[in-house]
């Protein structure tokens, strides 16, 4: 590919190339703010070294997406070098910018601000940034005969399923369709998933991220509009699934991480009142470059916030008092389920405690999904059929080579605020009484 590039050293992936046109994005304030947004919200309160950022993750996804794309294109006949280079640069730009729309505290900002107030999410907001930010270039020329429009990258953020993927043409004179690149972005072993498992495992120290991502890339091949995995790579995929499962249970849903998420959520709700729902940052997209975690934590508007001081001083005031692991398959959201159980527990308290402060306890109901991508319902990967070289067989994600995994696991937890521990017996009794009656 192009010769005009710099290299940076990454502890996970080794040396990463950064081409001149990519540096034009990286050096802008809207991208540099990702240095001040942690990759794993709240995890550093349980794992002190998990302070890595969306910035380094974005570089990693760019690198893996480029390698993945190159490997797939090598297996497609009758594709010109210009076409191969165009796809290579396109998918790297997707990887570089895929998280540019994340607000402070990442998915919590989505759940509390972007989705309920603005009916959007960080991906759609990322598309808005690419289209409207005044200091981002509108198009790139990685090489003299190649031009990529930033609007084309933005369109890749706005899809939630393969049928919505905007790239649908044949690749060169082959029978392969551009839809194969959807799986590089959003598949069961996408560049995004592979990097965050590798990176989050490394920096947390959890040790579950030793996945053979190179094998997954090299044993995948395009077949018409599908990404097919050779059976020689199936166990590498199952290893990724298990790594993802254990990272959820031990890092992302660690009891201290989740208690911290509760405080962060209350902090963002308080900030919404002080910053008019962040309207000036979202409506005028250039202002969004100011909005990061340090900006909120150290803004004069928030200095007197109790939640802010708890986060700064790591005084998380919730103690976990009960945990149950339940296999289930229900459609109600985590938030709705938590609200239902909280209300039912409140109603079971002794009469004199039913007006107890909302901060006294909270019920956390995170679910560990085995579908590959948040919000997606793609239950299959496609395996090569050894009897028919030009055919494939679908495999449900959870039907591994070693047996069937549970589709959804619920971590049901009760947390009690440290200021209300004198009421812990009554709260526990009310919570457990309702749990015995519950229908799931």
Protein backbone atom coordinates (compact mmCIF):
# COMPACT_ATOMS: atom_id res chain seq x y z
CA UNK A 1 0.00 0.00 0.00
CA UNK A 2 1.04 3.63 0.36
CA UNK A 3 4.56 4.57 1.43
CA UNK A 4 3.75 7.77 3.35
CA UNK A 5 3.15 6.58 6.87
CA UNK A 6 4.45 6.73 10.42
CA UNK A 7 4.51 3.86 12.91
CA UNK A 8 3.47 3.73 16.55
CA UNK A 9 4.20 0.91 18.98
CA UNK A 10 1.17 -0.81 20.48
CA UNK A 11 1.57 -3.24 23.41
CA UNK A 12 -1.08 -5.56 21.97
CA UNK A 13 -0.58 -5.52 18.21
CA UNK A 14 3.03 -4.46 17.81
CA UNK A 15 3.73 -1.74 15.25
CA UNK A 16 0.74 0.08 13.76
CA UNK A 17 1.05 2.09 10.55
CA UNK A 18 -0.59 5.50 10.39
CA UNK A 19 -0.93 6.89 6.87
CA UNK A 20 -0.80 10.61 6.15
CA UNK A 21 -4.53 10.93 5.43
CA UNK A 22 -5.36 9.07 8.68
CA UNK A 23 -3.16 11.50 10.60
CA UNK A 24 -5.37 14.32 9.29
CA UNK A 25 -8.18 12.83 11.40
CA UNK A 26 -6.09 11.77 14.38
CA UNK A 27 -4.64 15.25 14.86
CA UNK A 28 -8.06 16.97 15.16
CA UNK A 29 -9.54 17.95 18.55
CA UNK A 30 -12.65 15.80 17.98
CA UNK A 31 -10.46 12.70 17.70
CA UNK A 32 -7.88 13.65 20.33
CA UNK A 33 -10.69 13.84 22.90
CA UNK A 34 -10.81 10.03 22.74
CA UNK A 35 -7.59 10.09 24.78
CA UNK A 36 -9.75 11.35 27.64
CA UNK A 37 -12.49 8.72 27.40
CA UNK A 38 -11.72 5.39 29.02
CA UNK A 39 -12.39 2.23 27.08
CA UNK A 40 -14.00 0.44 30.06
CA UNK A 41 -16.22 2.73 32.09
CA UNK A 42 -15.78 2.09 35.79
CA UNK A 43 -13.50 -0.93 35.41
CA UNK A 44 -10.43 0.95 36.69
CA UNK A 45 -12.04 1.16 40.12
CA UNK A 46 -11.71 -2.63 40.32
CA UNK A 47 -8.69 -3.10 38.01
CA UNK A 48 -6.27 -0.16 38.57
CA UNK A 49 -4.46 -0.53 35.24
CA UNK A 50 -7.64 -0.56 33.12
CA UNK A 51 -7.19 3.11 32.25
CA UNK A 52 -6.70 2.58 28.52
CA UNK A 53 -8.76 4.73 26.21
CA UNK A 54 -11.00 4.82 23.18
CA UNK A 55 -8.06 6.47 21.39
CA UNK A 56 -5.75 3.43 21.54
CA UNK A 57 -8.67 1.07 20.87
CA UNK A 58 -9.53 3.02 17.69
CA UNK A 59 -5.98 2.67 16.40
CA UNK A 60 -6.10 -1.06 17.14
CA UNK A 61 -9.41 -1.58 15.33
CA UNK A 62 -8.06 0.34 12.34
CA UNK A 63 -5.03 -1.96 12.23
CA UNK A 64 -6.99 -5.22 12.52
CA UNK A 65 -9.66 -4.06 10.04
CA UNK A 66 -6.94 -3.33 7.48
CA UNK A 67 -5.28 -6.73 7.92
CA UNK A 68 -8.64 -8.52 7.83
CA UNK A 69 -9.61 -6.72 4.62
CA UNK A 70 -6.27 -7.44 2.94
CA UNK A 71 -6.55 -11.12 3.81
CA UNK A 72 -10.06 -11.40 2.37
CA UNK A 73 -9.15 -9.56 -0.82
CA UNK A 74 -6.21 -11.91 -1.43
CA UNK A 75 -8.75 -14.73 -1.76
CA UNK A 76 -10.89 -12.98 -4.38
CA UNK A 77 -9.85 -13.40 -8.03
CA UNK A 78 -10.04 -10.73 -10.72
CA UNK A 79 -9.83 -7.66 -8.47
CA UNK A 80 -7.64 -4.76 -9.56
CA UNK A 81 -4.91 -3.42 -7.29
CA UNK A 82 -6.66 -0.04 -7.21
CA UNK A 83 -9.88 -1.67 -5.98
CA UNK A 84 -8.01 -3.63 -3.31
CA UNK A 85 -6.30 -0.49 -2.06
CA UNK A 86 -9.58 1.42 -1.97
CA UNK A 87 -11.26 -1.21 0.22
CA UNK A 88 -8.16 -1.42 2.43
CA UNK A 89 -8.12 2.32 3.11
CA UNK A 90 -11.91 2.47 3.46
CA UNK A 91 -12.07 -0.20 6.15
CA UNK A 92 -9.13 1.26 8.02
CA UNK A 93 -10.92 4.62 8.10
CA UNK A 94 -14.03 2.90 9.42
CA UNK A 95 -11.95 1.30 12.20
CA UNK A 96 -10.23 4.58 13.03
CA UNK A 97 -13.45 6.59 13.37
CA UNK A 98 -15.95 3.96 14.57
CA UNK A 99 -15.93 5.32 18.17
CA UNK A 100 -15.58 9.03 17.39
CA UNK A 101 -19.15 9.65 18.56
CA UNK A 102 -18.68 8.28 22.07
CA UNK A 103 -19.48 10.75 24.82
CA UNK A 104 -17.90 10.87 28.29
CA UNK A 105 -18.23 7.51 30.05
CA UNK A 106 -19.06 5.86 26.71
CA UNK A 107 -22.14 3.61 26.78
CA UNK A 108 -23.51 5.22 29.95
CA UNK A 109 -23.70 8.53 28.08
CA UNK A 110 -25.59 6.68 25.33
CA UNK A 111 -28.07 5.19 27.80
CA UNK A 112 -28.75 8.32 29.83
CA UNK A 113 -28.36 11.17 27.33
CA UNK A 114 -28.20 10.20 23.67
CA UNK A 115 -30.91 7.54 23.46
CA UNK A 116 -33.65 8.96 25.73
CA UNK A 117 -33.12 12.68 24.99
CA UNK A 118 -31.96 12.74 21.37
CA UNK A 119 -33.16 9.35 20.05
CA UNK A 120 -29.66 8.58 18.82
CA UNK A 121 -26.52 6.71 19.88
CA UNK A 122 -22.76 7.13 19.59
CA UNK A 123 -22.69 5.51 16.14
CA UNK A 124 -25.29 7.81 14.62
CA UNK A 125 -23.67 10.75 16.36
CA UNK A 126 -20.34 9.60 14.92
CA UNK A 127 -21.88 9.80 11.45
CA UNK A 128 -23.09 13.32 12.26
CA UNK A 129 -19.57 14.28 13.36
CA UNK A 130 -18.01 12.97 10.14
CA UNK A 131 -20.52 14.92 8.07
CA UNK A 132 -20.68 18.19 10.02
CA UNK A 133 -17.44 18.75 11.94
CA UNK A 134 -15.81 21.77 10.32
CA UNK A 135 -12.20 20.75 10.84
CA UNK A 136 -12.47 17.25 9.42
CA UNK A 137 -11.58 16.93 5.71
CA UNK A 138 -14.45 15.97 3.47
CA UNK A 139 -12.50 13.47 1.40
CA UNK A 140 -9.11 11.77 1.31
CA UNK A 141 -6.61 10.81 -1.38
CA UNK A 142 -4.49 8.02 0.17
CA UNK A 143 -2.81 7.60 -3.20
CA UNK A 144 -2.99 9.66 -6.39
CA UNK A 145 -5.63 7.53 -8.10
CA UNK A 146 -7.76 6.77 -5.02
CA UNK A 147 -10.34 9.07 -3.40
CA UNK A 148 -12.56 8.27 -0.40
CA UNK A 149 -15.40 10.50 0.72
CA UNK A 150 -15.95 10.87 4.48
CA UNK A 151 -19.70 10.61 3.92
CA UNK A 152 -19.15 7.05 2.70
CA UNK A 153 -17.51 6.18 6.03
CA UNK A 154 -20.38 7.84 7.92
CA UNK A 155 -22.94 5.68 6.11
CA UNK A 156 -21.29 2.55 7.58
CA UNK A 157 -22.16 3.72 11.11
CA UNK A 158 -25.89 3.98 10.51
CA UNK A 159 -26.73 0.31 9.97
CA UNK A 160 -27.76 -2.28 12.54
CA UNK A 161 -28.02 -5.37 10.34
CA UNK A 162 -26.41 -6.80 7.23
CA UNK A 163 -29.50 -6.05 5.10
CA UNK A 164 -28.93 -2.32 5.73
CA UNK A 165 -25.26 -2.38 4.72
CA UNK A 166 -24.77 0.35 2.08
CA UNK A 167 -21.99 -1.46 0.16
CA UNK A 168 -23.73 -4.00 -2.10
CA UNK A 169 -21.81 -4.17 -5.38
CA UNK A 170 -19.79 -7.05 -6.77
CA UNK A 171 -16.10 -6.81 -5.99
CA UNK A 172 -14.27 -6.45 -9.28
CA UNK A 173 -15.24 -9.21 -11.73
CA UNK A 174 -15.72 -11.80 -9.01
CA UNK A 175 -18.90 -13.33 -7.56
CA UNK A 176 -18.14 -11.80 -4.15
CA UNK A 177 -20.36 -9.02 -2.81
CA UNK A 178 -19.21 -5.99 -0.80
CA UNK A 179 -21.46 -7.15 2.04
CA UNK A 180 -18.56 -9.28 3.28
CA UNK A 181 -17.08 -6.13 4.80
CA UNK A 182 -20.08 -5.88 7.11
CA UNK A 183 -18.62 -8.83 9.02
CA UNK A 184 -15.27 -7.08 9.38
CA UNK A 185 -17.15 -4.25 11.13
CA UNK A 186 -19.95 -6.02 12.96
CA UNK A 187 -19.65 -9.77 12.73
CA UNK A 188 -19.22 -12.33 15.49
CA UNK A 189 -15.46 -11.83 15.35
CA UNK A 190 -15.25 -8.31 13.99
CA UNK A 191 -12.13 -6.15 14.20
CA UNK A 192 -13.85 -4.22 17.00
CA UNK A 193 -14.57 -7.31 19.12
CA UNK A 194 -11.12 -8.79 18.61
CA UNK A 195 -9.35 -5.60 19.64
CA UNK A 196 -11.43 -4.84 22.71
CA UNK A 197 -11.04 -8.40 24.03
CA UNK A 198 -7.28 -8.34 23.50
CA UNK A 199 -6.87 -4.82 24.88
CA UNK A 200 -9.27 -5.01 27.82
CA UNK A 201 -7.83 -8.32 28.97
CA UNK A 202 -4.27 -7.01 28.78
CA UNK A 203 -4.83 -3.75 30.65
CA UNK A 204 -7.17 -5.18 33.28
CA UNK A 205 -4.78 -8.09 33.84
CA UNK A 206 -7.70 -10.51 33.71
CA UNK A 207 -5.83 -12.76 31.30
CA UNK A 208 -8.75 -14.01 29.21
CA UNK A 209 -7.86 -12.25 25.96
CA UNK A 210 -5.22 -14.60 24.58
CA UNK A 211 -7.34 -15.28 21.50
CA UNK A 212 -5.82 -16.42 18.22
CA UNK A 213 -7.14 -13.50 16.22
CA UNK A 214 -4.66 -14.06 13.39
CA UNK A 215 -6.00 -17.58 12.90
CA UNK A 216 -9.54 -16.24 12.69
CA UNK A 217 -8.49 -13.82 9.97
CA UNK A 218 -6.41 -16.30 7.95
CA UNK A 219 -9.01 -19.10 8.10
CA UNK A 220 -11.84 -16.84 6.93
CA UNK A 221 -12.75 -16.43 3.29
CA UNK A 222 -15.46 -14.66 1.27
CA UNK A 223 -18.22 -16.65 -0.40
CA UNK A 224 -20.61 -14.46 -2.40
CA UNK A 225 -22.10 -12.17 0.30
CA UNK A 226 -20.98 -14.16 3.35
CA UNK A 227 -17.88 -14.51 5.46
CA UNK A 228 -17.11 -18.20 5.88
CA UNK A 229 -14.85 -19.65 8.56
CA UNK A 230 -12.82 -22.74 7.76
CA UNK A 231 -13.44 -25.48 10.31
CA UNK A 232 -9.74 -25.22 11.22
CA UNK A 233 -10.58 -21.86 12.79
CA UNK A 234 -13.69 -22.99 14.66
CA UNK A 235 -11.97 -23.60 17.97
CA UNK A 236 -10.28 -20.20 17.74
CA UNK A 237 -13.76 -18.70 17.45
CA UNK A 238 -15.00 -20.70 20.43
CA UNK A 239 -12.01 -19.42 22.39
CA UNK A 240 -13.09 -15.87 21.53
CA UNK A 241 -16.62 -16.61 22.72
CA UNK A 242 -15.39 -17.92 26.05
CA UNK A 243 -12.99 -15.00 26.43
CA UNK A 244 -15.90 -12.61 25.85
CA UNK A 245 -18.05 -14.45 28.38
CA UNK A 246 -15.37 -14.36 31.08
CA UNK A 247 -14.50 -10.72 30.39
CA UNK A 248 -18.13 -9.79 30.95
CA UNK A 249 -18.42 -11.76 34.17
CA UNK A 250 -15.06 -10.76 35.68
CA UNK A 251 -14.31 -7.26 34.30
CA UNK A 252 -17.24 -5.49 32.64
CA UNK A 253 -19.73 -6.80 35.22
CA UNK A 254 -17.39 -7.02 38.22
CA UNK A 255 -19.34 -6.05 41.32
CA UNK A 256 -17.15 -2.98 41.95
CA UNK A 257 -17.31 -1.95 38.30
CA UNK A 258 -21.10 -2.06 38.40
CA UNK A 259 -21.29 -0.13 41.68
CA UNK A 260 -19.07 2.51 40.07
CA UNK A 261 -21.35 2.59 37.02
CA UNK A 262 -24.24 3.44 39.34
CA UNK A 263 -22.35 6.46 40.73
CA UNK A 264 -21.24 7.52 37.23
CA UNK A 265 -24.85 7.29 36.04
CA UNK A 266 -26.03 9.54 38.88
CA UNK A 267 -23.17 11.94 38.11
CA UNK A 268 -24.21 12.20 34.44
CA UNK A 269 -27.85 12.77 35.42
CA UNK A 270 -26.75 15.62 37.67
CA UNK A 271 -24.54 17.02 34.89
CA UNK A 272 -27.49 16.97 32.49
CA UNK A 273 -29.25 19.51 34.70
CA UNK A 274 -26.16 21.72 34.84
CA UNK A 275 -25.45 21.55 31.09
CA UNK A 276 -28.99 21.76 29.65
CA UNK A 277 -28.91 18.11 28.50
CA UNK A 278 -25.61 18.89 26.67
CA UNK A 279 -27.63 20.55 23.92
CA UNK A 280 -24.94 23.04 22.87
CA UNK A 281 -22.44 20.20 22.43
CA UNK A 282 -24.70 17.95 20.39
CA UNK A 283 -26.50 20.54 18.26
CA UNK A 284 -23.24 22.35 17.39
CA UNK A 285 -21.03 19.39 16.66
CA UNK A 286 -17.71 21.31 16.79
CA UNK A 287 -18.39 21.87 20.50
CA UNK A 288 -18.49 18.10 21.04
CA UNK A 289 -14.68 18.07 20.95
CA UNK A 290 -14.73 19.65 24.44
CA UNK A 291 -16.90 16.94 25.93
CA UNK A 292 -14.88 14.24 27.67
CA UNK A 293 -14.59 12.72 31.12
CA UNK A 294 -11.99 15.18 32.45
CA UNK A 295 -14.07 18.11 31.20
CA UNK A 296 -17.07 17.01 33.27
CA UNK A 297 -15.17 15.83 36.35
CA UNK A 298 -13.19 19.08 36.64
CA UNK A 299 -15.70 21.61 35.34
CA UNK A 300 -16.58 24.37 37.80
CA UNK A 301 -20.27 23.46 37.44
CA UNK A 302 -19.58 20.05 38.96
CA UNK A 303 -17.01 20.82 41.68
CA UNK A 304 -19.58 20.54 44.48
CA UNK A 305 -21.15 17.34 43.18
CA UNK A 306 -21.18 14.54 45.75
CA UNK A 307 -21.04 11.97 42.95
CA UNK A 308 -18.07 13.74 41.37
CA UNK A 309 -16.15 13.67 44.65
CA UNK A 310 -16.95 10.00 45.15
CA UNK A 311 -15.50 9.22 41.73
CA UNK A 312 -12.41 11.39 42.21
CA UNK A 313 -11.67 9.92 45.64
CA UNK A 314 -12.81 6.37 44.77
CA UNK A 315 -15.32 6.32 47.60
CA UNK A 316 -17.96 4.16 45.98
CA UNK A 317 -20.70 4.07 48.63
CA UNK A 318 -22.42 0.81 47.68
CA UNK A 319 -21.79 -2.61 49.15
CA UNK A 320 -23.00 -5.71 47.34
CA UNK A 321 -25.07 -7.89 49.61
CA UNK A 322 -26.49 -10.55 47.36
CA UNK A 323 -25.73 -12.07 43.97
CA UNK A 324 -27.49 -14.76 41.98
CA UNK A 325 -26.60 -16.11 38.54
CA UNK A 326 -29.68 -17.11 36.56
CA UNK A 327 -30.04 -18.56 33.07
CA UNK A 328 -32.95 -16.96 31.25
CA UNK A 329 -34.22 -15.86 27.89
CA UNK A 330 -36.48 -12.82 28.26
CA UNK A 331 -36.95 -9.77 26.09
CA UNK A 332 -37.30 -7.13 28.84
CA UNK A 333 -34.33 -4.76 28.99
CA UNK A 334 -31.84 -4.74 31.84
CA UNK A 335 -33.03 -1.29 32.92
CA UNK A 336 -36.71 -2.23 32.88
CA UNK A 337 -36.09 -5.43 34.81
CA UNK A 338 -34.07 -3.54 37.43
CA UNK A 339 -36.87 -0.96 37.78
CA UNK A 340 -39.51 -3.68 38.20
CA UNK A 341 -37.53 -5.52 40.86
CA UNK A 342 -36.68 -2.29 42.68
CA UNK A 343 -40.33 -1.27 42.84
CA UNK A 344 -41.42 -4.72 44.00
CA UNK A 345 -38.73 -4.79 46.69
CA UNK A 346 -39.77 -1.33 47.86
CA UNK A 347 -43.38 -2.51 48.21
CA UNK A 348 -42.26 -5.46 50.36
CA UNK A 349 -40.41 -3.29 52.87
CA UNK A 350 -41.98 -2.63 56.27
CA UNK A 351 -44.41 0.27 56.07
CA UNK A 352 -42.11 2.65 57.95
CA UNK A 353 -39.35 2.08 55.36
CA UNK A 354 -41.33 2.30 52.14
CA UNK A 355 -40.47 5.98 51.74
CA UNK A 356 -36.77 5.26 52.21
CA UNK A 357 -34.38 7.38 50.13
CA UNK A 358 -33.95 6.23 46.53
CA UNK A 359 -30.21 6.00 47.18
CA UNK A 360 -30.66 3.39 49.92
CA UNK A 361 -30.31 0.44 47.57
CA UNK A 362 -30.29 -0.46 43.91
CA UNK A 363 -30.79 -3.68 42.01
CA UNK A 364 -28.45 -4.43 39.14
CA UNK A 365 -29.51 -6.88 36.42
CA UNK A 366 -26.79 -7.03 33.74
CA UNK A 367 -27.27 -9.78 31.17
CA UNK A 368 -24.35 -11.49 29.46
CA UNK A 369 -25.43 -11.98 25.85
CA UNK A 370 -23.76 -14.42 23.52
CA UNK A 371 -24.99 -12.72 20.35
CA UNK A 372 -21.90 -11.15 18.83
CA UNK A 373 -22.62 -7.44 18.85
CA UNK A 374 -24.57 -5.21 21.22
CA UNK A 375 -28.09 -4.75 19.92
CA UNK A 376 -27.72 -7.30 17.15
CA UNK A 377 -29.58 -10.57 16.77
CA UNK A 378 -27.24 -12.35 14.40
CA UNK A 379 -27.25 -15.83 15.84
CA UNK A 380 -25.10 -17.57 13.22
CA UNK A 381 -21.60 -17.86 11.87
CA UNK A 382 -20.97 -19.65 8.58
CA UNK A 383 -18.66 -22.64 8.56
CA UNK A 384 -17.01 -24.16 5.53
CA UNK A 385 -18.52 -27.45 4.38
CA UNK A 386 -15.67 -29.92 3.91
CA UNK A 387 -17.80 -31.98 1.50
CA UNK A 388 -18.77 -29.03 -0.68
CA UNK A 389 -15.95 -26.48 -1.21
CA UNK A 390 -18.36 -23.92 -2.63
CA UNK A 391 -20.92 -24.33 0.12
CA UNK A 392 -21.25 -23.56 3.82
CA UNK A 393 -23.27 -24.59 6.84
CA UNK A 394 -24.67 -22.14 9.40
CA UNK A 395 -23.77 -22.65 13.05
CA UNK A 396 -25.57 -21.00 15.91
CA UNK A 397 -23.15 -18.89 17.93
CA UNK A 398 -23.70 -20.76 21.18
CA UNK A 399 -23.41 -24.28 19.73
CA UNK A 400 -19.67 -24.67 20.27
CA UNK A 401 -17.42 -27.61 19.49
CA UNK A 402 -17.50 -28.46 23.22
CA UNK A 403 -21.22 -28.16 23.85
CA UNK A 404 -24.03 -25.62 23.97
CA UNK A 405 -23.52 -22.41 25.93
CA UNK A 406 -26.27 -20.63 27.80
CA UNK A 407 -27.77 -17.96 25.57
CA UNK A 408 -28.33 -15.36 28.29
CA UNK A 409 -27.04 -15.30 31.84
CA UNK A 410 -28.45 -12.78 34.29
CA UNK A 411 -26.32 -11.47 37.14
CA UNK A 412 -28.89 -10.42 39.72
CA UNK A 413 -27.34 -8.21 42.40
CA UNK A 414 -28.58 -6.17 45.32
CA UNK A 415 -26.43 -3.23 46.46
CA UNK A 416 -27.06 -1.30 49.68
CA UNK A 417 -25.76 2.23 50.27
CA UNK A 418 -23.25 2.49 53.09
CA UNK A 419 -25.39 5.14 54.83
CA UNK A 420 -28.31 2.70 55.06
CA UNK A 421 -26.60 -0.44 56.31
CA UNK A 422 -28.71 -0.28 59.47
CA UNK A 423 -31.66 -1.24 57.25
CA UNK A 424 -29.86 -4.03 55.40
CA UNK A 425 -31.79 -6.90 57.04
CA UNK A 426 -35.16 -5.42 56.09
CA UNK A 427 -34.00 -4.68 52.53
CA UNK A 428 -32.53 -8.16 52.11
CA UNK A 429 -35.70 -9.78 53.45
CA UNK A 430 -37.92 -7.77 51.10
CA UNK A 431 -35.70 -8.51 48.13
CA UNK A 432 -35.44 -12.25 48.80
CA UNK A 433 -39.15 -12.58 49.45
CA UNK A 434 -39.89 -11.14 46.02
CA UNK A 435 -37.24 -13.33 44.40
CA UNK A 436 -39.03 -16.46 45.63
CA UNK A 437 -42.22 -15.36 43.89
CA UNK A 438 -40.74 -14.10 40.65
CA UNK A 439 -41.74 -15.86 37.43
CA UNK A 440 -38.33 -16.12 35.78
